[in-house]
Amino acid sequence: MQTHPKLIDVWALRLLLATLLFFGAELLLWINPLQHSALEWALRIVGYIALATLMLDFAVRYRIREVYDALVLAGIYGLSVGLLLQPQTSLADYPRTLMTRVMGGQALIGVEMFGLFLVLTGGHIPRYRRLMLGFSVWLGFYWGIWVRWSPVLTDFFSTQVDLVTMFVCAGIIFTLALALFTFMSRRHPALTASDLQLSPMGLGVTLIVLIIVFLVRLADNAINLAALPAIILLLVLCSAILWFRRSDKGKTLFDSHLPPTPLGWLWIVLAIVIFSGAAIISYNIPLITVFDFNQLSVMEFAFAFGGLVWLPLVAAVFSVRAIDRQAQRLEG
C-alpha cells in the first residue's frame, strides 16, 4: 500500500533535478532555446528527465561521498548532454568545444545544478545556504554577460535577447521547479537513498530512452562522429572512477538529504533576488576590453580552464589518497 505514494515522491525528486538541469543547460547556457521545434523540445525534455534519473541512480549506486565524486558524476552528465541533447553546438568545433562547452560549460553548470538540488533537500545545513547565496551572485553575473554579449561576439546564437525575455523564460522554468519543491515539502516524504536507485528494468528502460535519443541525433546527422570515440572514452573513464571509488562503508552524500529537509523560503527568495540583481547589473555593463580581453572572453576562458583541469585534478586527488592509504597499510 506504501509503494504508490513513495513512487510519487521519488518522481517528484527526479523531476525537480531534471527541471534544474534544464534550467542550467538551456537557460543559463543560453543557446537560443526559443528557436527549438516541438520535436526538439520533446527530445530535450525526455532527455533531461532520463539524465536526472540516471544521475540520482548513480549517486546512490556508487555511494558518492564528496564534491570530487559529484564532479565525476557531473562529467558523465555534461558529456551526455553534449552528445545527446546539444550536439549541434557542443561538438561544432571538435576538439575545442569538447573541452570548453562540454567538459567546461555543461559539466560545471551540471555540478552547480546538482548542488542546488542538494541545497533544496538539505535546508538544515548552514554551509549549503551560504554557498547558495555566493553561487547566486556568480550565476546571475555570468548569465547577464553571456546572454547580452554572446550574439555579438560568438557563434552560439545571433538573435539579441532582452532582459524581459530572459526573465520570462527563467521564471517559467523556475516556477515549475518551485512547484515541485513545494509539492515535496508538503508531503514530507519518508524516502531513503535506496528508493532513488533504479531496478534492473528501470535502469534498462532509462538507457533505452537515451539510446533512442542518440539514434534520432544520428538520423539527423547532428552528431560529429569524429568526437564520438573521445566522448565514449571519457564516459568509460568517469564511470570507472565511480565504480572503483564505491565503498560499502562510511557515509554518503545523500545521508543528510534523505528524507529531504526542505530549504526555508526566505533563503530561496533571497537567492532569487541576488541572482536577478546580478544578472541585471552584468547585462547592462558596457563591453570592457583590456589587452584584447573582455568580460565575455574571460568567462569563456574560465570555462575552458575548468574543462581542461577538473578531471585531471580529480584523478590526482584520488591517486594521492590511494597512495597514502597504501603507505599507511605498509607502515602498519
Protein backbone atom coordinates (compact mmCIF):
# COMPACT_ATOMS: atom_id res chain seq x y z
CA MET A 1 0.00 0.00 0.00
CA GLN A 2 3.01 2.33 0.54
CA THR A 3 4.61 1.71 -2.83
CA HIS A 4 2.46 4.11 -4.84
CA PRO A 5 2.92 7.22 -2.62
CA LYS A 6 6.65 6.53 -2.37
CA LEU A 7 6.89 6.29 -6.17
CA ILE A 8 5.23 9.70 -6.45
CA ASP A 9 7.78 11.16 -4.03
CA VAL A 10 10.69 9.58 -5.91
CA TRP A 11 9.49 11.01 -9.20
CA ALA A 12 8.98 14.41 -7.62
CA LEU A 13 12.69 14.44 -6.71
CA ARG A 14 13.71 13.20 -10.15
CA LEU A 15 11.61 15.83 -11.90
CA LEU A 16 12.96 18.53 -9.57
CA LEU A 17 16.53 17.67 -10.54
CA ALA A 18 15.54 17.39 -14.23
CA THR A 19 14.00 20.87 -14.10
CA LEU A 20 17.13 22.33 -12.51
CA LEU A 21 19.32 20.64 -15.14
CA PHE A 22 17.07 22.00 -17.87
CA PHE A 23 17.33 25.48 -16.33
CA GLY A 24 21.11 25.29 -16.28
CA ALA A 25 21.73 23.80 -19.71
CA GLU A 26 19.02 25.57 -21.69
CA LEU A 27 18.72 28.97 -19.98
CA LEU A 28 21.95 29.69 -18.11
CA LEU A 29 23.93 28.34 -21.06
CA TRP A 30 21.51 30.12 -23.38
CA ILE A 31 21.75 28.75 -26.92
CA ASN A 32 18.65 30.28 -28.48
CA PRO A 33 16.09 27.93 -26.86
CA LEU A 34 13.17 29.90 -28.33
CA GLN A 35 14.02 28.56 -31.79
CA HIS A 36 13.54 24.87 -30.96
CA SER A 37 10.91 22.86 -32.81
CA ALA A 38 8.27 20.79 -30.98
CA LEU A 39 10.24 17.58 -31.68
CA GLU A 40 13.43 19.17 -30.38
CA TRP A 41 11.69 20.24 -27.18
CA ALA A 42 10.28 16.74 -26.73
CA LEU A 43 13.73 15.16 -27.16
CA ARG A 44 15.32 17.56 -24.70
CA ILE A 45 12.63 17.27 -22.03
CA VAL A 46 12.70 13.47 -22.16
CA GLY A 47 16.50 13.57 -22.21
CA TYR A 48 16.83 15.74 -19.11
CA ILE A 49 14.37 13.57 -17.19
CA ALA A 50 16.29 10.43 -18.16
CA LEU A 51 19.65 12.00 -17.25
CA ALA A 52 18.35 13.27 -13.89
CA THR A 53 17.01 9.79 -13.14
CA LEU A 54 20.35 8.27 -14.06
CA MET A 55 22.35 10.82 -12.03
CA LEU A 56 20.37 10.04 -8.88
CA ASP A 57 20.71 6.32 -9.52
CA PHE A 58 24.48 6.60 -9.99
CA ALA A 59 24.79 8.77 -6.88
CA VAL A 60 23.15 6.01 -4.84
CA ARG A 61 24.52 3.02 -6.74
CA TYR A 62 28.13 4.19 -6.40
CA ARG A 63 27.61 5.77 -2.97
CA ILE A 64 29.17 9.12 -3.84
CA ARG A 65 30.58 10.78 -0.74
CA GLU A 66 32.02 14.20 -1.55
CA VAL A 67 32.38 17.02 -4.06
CA TYR A 68 35.02 15.18 -6.12
CA ASP A 69 32.61 12.30 -6.68
CA ALA A 70 29.93 14.84 -7.65
CA LEU A 71 32.33 16.36 -10.20
CA VAL A 72 32.79 12.97 -11.84
CA LEU A 73 29.03 12.42 -11.86
CA ALA A 74 28.54 15.87 -13.41
CA GLY A 75 31.17 14.96 -16.00
CA ILE A 76 29.05 12.00 -17.10
CA TYR A 77 26.05 14.30 -17.26
CA GLY A 78 27.89 17.00 -19.23
CA LEU A 79 29.24 14.51 -21.78
CA SER A 80 25.75 13.05 -22.20
CA VAL A 81 24.19 16.48 -22.74
CA GLY A 82 26.85 17.39 -25.28
CA LEU A 83 26.37 14.14 -27.17
CA LEU A 84 22.61 13.65 -26.95
CA LEU A 85 20.85 16.94 -26.28
CA GLN A 86 23.04 19.74 -27.65
CA PRO A 87 25.40 18.11 -30.19
CA GLN A 88 24.93 20.84 -32.83
CA THR A 89 26.65 23.44 -30.65
CA SER A 90 28.61 21.35 -28.15
CA LEU A 91 30.57 19.48 -30.82
CA ALA A 92 30.54 22.14 -33.54
CA ASP A 93 34.32 22.73 -33.43
CA TYR A 94 35.78 19.49 -32.09
CA PRO A 95 38.07 19.11 -30.15
CA ARG A 96 37.99 22.71 -28.85
CA THR A 97 34.29 22.72 -27.98
CA LEU A 98 34.52 19.32 -26.29
CA MET A 99 36.75 20.91 -23.67
CA THR A 100 35.10 24.33 -23.46
CA ARG A 101 31.37 23.71 -23.98
CA VAL A 102 31.05 20.10 -22.78
CA MET A 103 33.73 19.38 -20.17
CA GLY A 104 33.76 23.05 -19.19
CA GLY A 105 30.33 24.65 -19.54
CA GLN A 106 27.93 21.71 -19.33
CA ALA A 107 29.80 19.72 -16.68
CA LEU A 108 30.39 22.72 -14.39
CA ILE A 109 26.83 24.02 -14.71
CA GLY A 110 25.68 20.43 -14.14
CA VAL A 111 27.53 20.17 -10.84
CA GLU A 112 26.13 23.54 -9.78
CA MET A 113 22.56 22.46 -10.53
CA PHE A 114 23.18 19.18 -8.68
CA GLY A 115 24.50 21.29 -5.82
CA LEU A 116 21.33 23.41 -5.88
CA PHE A 117 19.30 20.19 -5.68
CA LEU A 118 21.29 19.22 -2.57
CA VAL A 119 20.69 22.66 -1.04
CA LEU A 120 16.94 22.44 -1.63
CA THR A 121 16.80 19.00 0.01
CA GLY A 122 19.26 19.79 2.82
CA GLY A 123 17.90 23.05 4.17
CA HIS A 124 19.17 22.31 7.68
CA ILE A 125 22.84 22.62 6.67
CA PRO A 126 24.04 26.25 7.21
CA ARG A 127 27.09 25.87 4.96
CA TYR A 128 24.88 24.99 1.99
CA ARG A 129 22.81 28.13 2.44
CA ARG A 130 25.88 30.37 2.40
CA LEU A 131 27.27 28.64 -0.66
CA MET A 132 23.94 29.06 -2.46
CA LEU A 133 23.98 32.82 -1.95
CA GLY A 134 27.55 33.05 -3.22
CA PHE A 135 26.80 31.00 -6.31
CA SER A 136 23.68 33.08 -6.92
CA VAL A 137 25.92 36.11 -7.43
CA TRP A 138 28.24 34.21 -9.79
CA LEU A 139 25.50 32.55 -11.85
CA GLY A 140 23.47 35.75 -12.20
CA PHE A 141 26.52 37.76 -13.18
CA TYR A 142 27.58 35.11 -15.70
CA TRP A 143 24.07 34.81 -17.15
CA GLY A 144 23.70 38.53 -17.80
CA ILE A 145 27.07 38.76 -19.57
CA TRP A 146 26.54 35.58 -21.56
CA VAL A 147 23.10 36.42 -22.94
CA ARG A 148 23.98 40.07 -23.60
CA TRP A 149 27.25 39.59 -25.47
CA SER A 150 27.16 36.08 -26.98
CA PRO A 151 25.06 37.16 -30.01
CA VAL A 152 27.62 39.86 -30.76
CA LEU A 153 30.90 38.10 -30.03
CA THR A 154 30.33 34.36 -30.55
CA ASP A 155 28.67 31.92 -32.93
CA PHE A 156 26.41 30.32 -30.30
CA PHE A 157 23.36 32.31 -31.41
CA SER A 158 22.79 35.52 -33.33
CA THR A 159 19.47 36.88 -32.02
CA GLN A 160 19.76 39.58 -29.37
CA VAL A 161 17.76 38.71 -26.24
CA ASP A 162 16.34 41.38 -23.97
CA LEU A 163 16.06 41.20 -20.20
CA VAL A 164 12.29 40.70 -20.24
CA THR A 165 12.58 37.63 -22.46
CA MET A 166 15.38 36.23 -20.31
CA PHE A 167 13.44 36.57 -17.08
CA VAL A 168 10.13 35.35 -18.50
CA CYS A 169 11.80 32.14 -19.72
CA ALA A 170 13.72 31.70 -16.48
CA GLY A 171 10.59 32.47 -14.46
CA ILE A 172 8.57 29.75 -16.20
CA ILE A 173 11.16 27.05 -15.59
CA PHE A 174 11.96 28.14 -12.06
CA THR A 175 8.26 28.34 -11.18
CA LEU A 176 7.98 24.70 -12.24
CA ALA A 177 10.97 23.82 -10.04
CA LEU A 178 9.44 25.67 -7.08
CA ALA A 179 6.10 23.93 -7.64
CA LEU A 180 7.85 20.55 -7.44
CA PHE A 181 9.78 21.74 -4.39
CA THR A 182 6.54 22.86 -2.71
CA PHE A 183 4.87 19.54 -3.52
CA MET A 184 7.80 17.67 -1.99
CA SER A 185 7.89 19.95 1.07
CA ARG A 186 4.24 19.45 1.91
CA ARG A 187 4.36 15.68 1.60
CA HIS A 188 7.37 15.21 3.91
CA PRO A 189 8.39 12.03 2.05
CA ALA A 190 9.96 9.29 4.15
CA LEU A 191 12.48 8.36 1.48
CA THR A 192 15.84 6.65 1.79
CA ALA A 193 18.70 6.72 -0.69
CA SER A 194 17.88 3.22 -1.92
CA ASP A 195 14.50 4.47 -3.15
CA LEU A 196 16.29 6.52 -5.83
CA GLN A 197 18.21 3.54 -7.19
CA LEU A 198 16.64 2.07 -10.31
CA SER A 199 15.65 -1.55 -10.58
CA PRO A 200 17.36 -3.53 -13.37
CA MET A 201 14.26 -2.99 -15.52
CA GLY A 202 14.13 0.71 -14.67
CA LEU A 203 17.81 1.13 -15.49
CA GLY A 204 17.30 -0.70 -18.77
CA VAL A 205 14.33 1.47 -19.77
CA THR A 206 16.26 4.66 -18.92
CA LEU A 207 19.23 3.58 -21.03
CA ILE A 208 16.91 2.60 -23.90
CA VAL A 209 15.37 6.09 -23.83
CA LEU A 210 18.83 7.65 -24.10
CA ILE A 211 19.79 5.25 -26.90
CA ILE A 212 16.66 6.28 -28.82
CA VAL A 213 17.63 9.95 -28.43
CA PHE A 214 21.11 9.06 -29.71
CA LEU A 215 19.67 7.27 -32.76
CA VAL A 216 17.44 10.25 -33.54
CA ARG A 217 20.51 12.50 -33.44
CA LEU A 218 22.38 10.13 -35.72
CA ALA A 219 19.48 10.08 -38.18
CA ASP A 220 19.51 13.91 -38.21
CA ASN A 221 23.31 13.96 -38.77
CA ALA A 222 23.53 16.18 -35.69
CA ILE A 223 26.48 14.34 -34.09
CA ASN A 224 30.07 14.99 -35.05
CA LEU A 225 31.21 11.36 -35.36
CA ALA A 226 34.85 12.37 -35.02
CA ALA A 227 34.11 13.29 -31.39
CA LEU A 228 32.36 10.01 -30.58
CA PRO A 229 35.46 7.92 -29.61
CA ALA A 230 36.70 10.64 -27.22
CA ILE A 231 33.28 11.02 -25.60
CA ILE A 232 32.89 7.27 -25.14
CA LEU A 233 36.40 7.05 -23.66
CA LEU A 234 35.68 9.88 -21.20
CA LEU A 235 32.32 8.35 -20.24
CA VAL A 236 34.01 5.00 -19.56
CA LEU A 237 36.76 6.73 -17.57
CA CYS A 238 34.30 8.67 -15.39
CA SER A 239 32.16 5.58 -14.84
CA ALA A 240 35.25 3.56 -13.90
CA ILE A 241 36.27 6.21 -11.35
CA LEU A 242 32.85 6.00 -9.69
CA TRP A 243 32.98 2.19 -9.74
CA PHE A 244 36.44 2.00 -8.17
CA ARG A 245 35.51 4.66 -5.62
CA ARG A 246 32.45 2.78 -4.41
CA SER A 247 32.60 1.59 -0.82
CA ASP A 248 30.01 -0.21 1.27
CA LYS A 249 31.29 1.55 4.40
CA GLY A 250 31.05 5.12 5.55
CA LYS A 251 28.61 7.95 4.97
CA THR A 252 27.33 9.06 1.57
CA LEU A 253 26.45 12.47 0.21
CA PHE A 254 22.73 11.72 0.43
CA ASP A 255 22.75 10.76 4.12
CA SER A 256 21.94 14.36 5.07
CA HIS A 257 19.37 14.84 2.29
CA LEU A 258 17.08 11.83 2.54
CA PRO A 259 14.49 12.12 3.84
CA PRO A 260 14.58 15.65 2.38
CA THR A 261 14.74 18.63 4.72
CA PRO A 262 13.37 21.45 2.53
CA LEU A 263 15.21 24.77 2.43
CA GLY A 264 13.38 27.71 4.02
CA TRP A 265 11.53 30.06 1.67
CA LEU A 266 13.36 33.13 2.97
CA TRP A 267 16.64 31.73 1.69
CA ILE A 268 15.08 30.85 -1.68
CA VAL A 269 13.64 34.34 -2.15
CA LEU A 270 16.95 35.91 -1.13
CA ALA A 271 18.86 33.76 -3.63
CA ILE A 272 16.43 34.67 -6.43
CA VAL A 273 16.77 38.39 -5.65
CA ILE A 274 20.58 38.17 -5.62
CA PHE A 275 20.65 36.13 -8.83
CA SER A 276 18.28 38.53 -10.61
CA GLY A 277 20.11 41.63 -9.41
CA ALA A 278 23.49 40.28 -10.52
CA ALA A 279 22.07 39.37 -13.94
CA ILE A 280 20.53 42.82 -14.46
CA ILE A 281 23.74 44.58 -13.44
CA SER A 282 26.03 42.46 -15.62
CA TYR A 283 23.66 42.67 -18.60
CA ASN A 284 23.83 46.46 -18.52
CA ILE A 285 27.60 46.76 -18.07
CA PRO A 286 29.13 48.02 -21.35
CA LEU A 287 31.77 45.88 -23.05
CA ILE A 288 35.10 46.49 -21.34
CA THR A 289 38.15 45.45 -23.38
CA VAL A 290 41.65 45.32 -21.87
CA PHE A 291 44.53 43.73 -23.83
CA ASP A 292 42.01 42.07 -26.19
CA PHE A 293 40.11 40.53 -23.25
CA ASN A 294 36.55 41.46 -22.27
CA GLN A 295 34.13 40.17 -19.66
CA LEU A 296 32.74 37.51 -22.02
CA SER A 297 36.15 36.20 -23.14
CA VAL A 298 37.28 35.99 -19.51
CA MET A 299 34.27 33.79 -18.70
CA GLU A 300 34.88 31.63 -21.77
CA PHE A 301 38.50 31.24 -20.69
CA ALA A 302 37.33 30.21 -17.21
CA PHE A 303 35.08 27.51 -18.67
CA ALA A 304 37.89 26.29 -20.93
CA PHE A 305 40.32 26.19 -18.00
CA GLY A 306 37.78 24.35 -15.87
CA GLY A 307 37.12 21.84 -18.65
CA LEU A 308 40.82 21.09 -19.01
CA VAL A 309 41.63 20.93 -15.31
CA TRP A 310 38.80 19.34 -13.32
CA LEU A 311 39.15 15.71 -14.46
CA PRO A 312 42.97 15.56 -14.07
CA LEU A 313 42.55 17.29 -10.68
CA VAL A 314 40.01 14.71 -9.51
CA ALA A 315 42.21 11.85 -10.76
CA ALA A 316 45.24 13.35 -8.98
CA VAL A 317 43.35 13.75 -5.68
CA PHE A 318 42.08 10.17 -5.75
CA SER A 319 45.52 8.83 -6.73
CA VAL A 320 47.29 10.67 -3.89
CA ARG A 321 44.72 9.38 -1.41
CA ALA A 322 45.13 5.81 -2.67
CA ILE A 323 48.93 6.04 -2.40
CA ASP A 324 48.61 7.47 1.11
CA ARG A 325 46.30 4.65 2.21
CA GLN A 326 48.66 2.06 0.76
CA ALA A 327 51.62 3.65 2.55
CA GLN A 328 49.74 3.58 5.84
CA ARG A 329 48.96 -0.12 5.38
CA LEU A 330 52.62 -0.90 4.70
CA GLU A 331 53.73 1.06 7.75
CA GLY A 332 51.12 -0.69 9.88
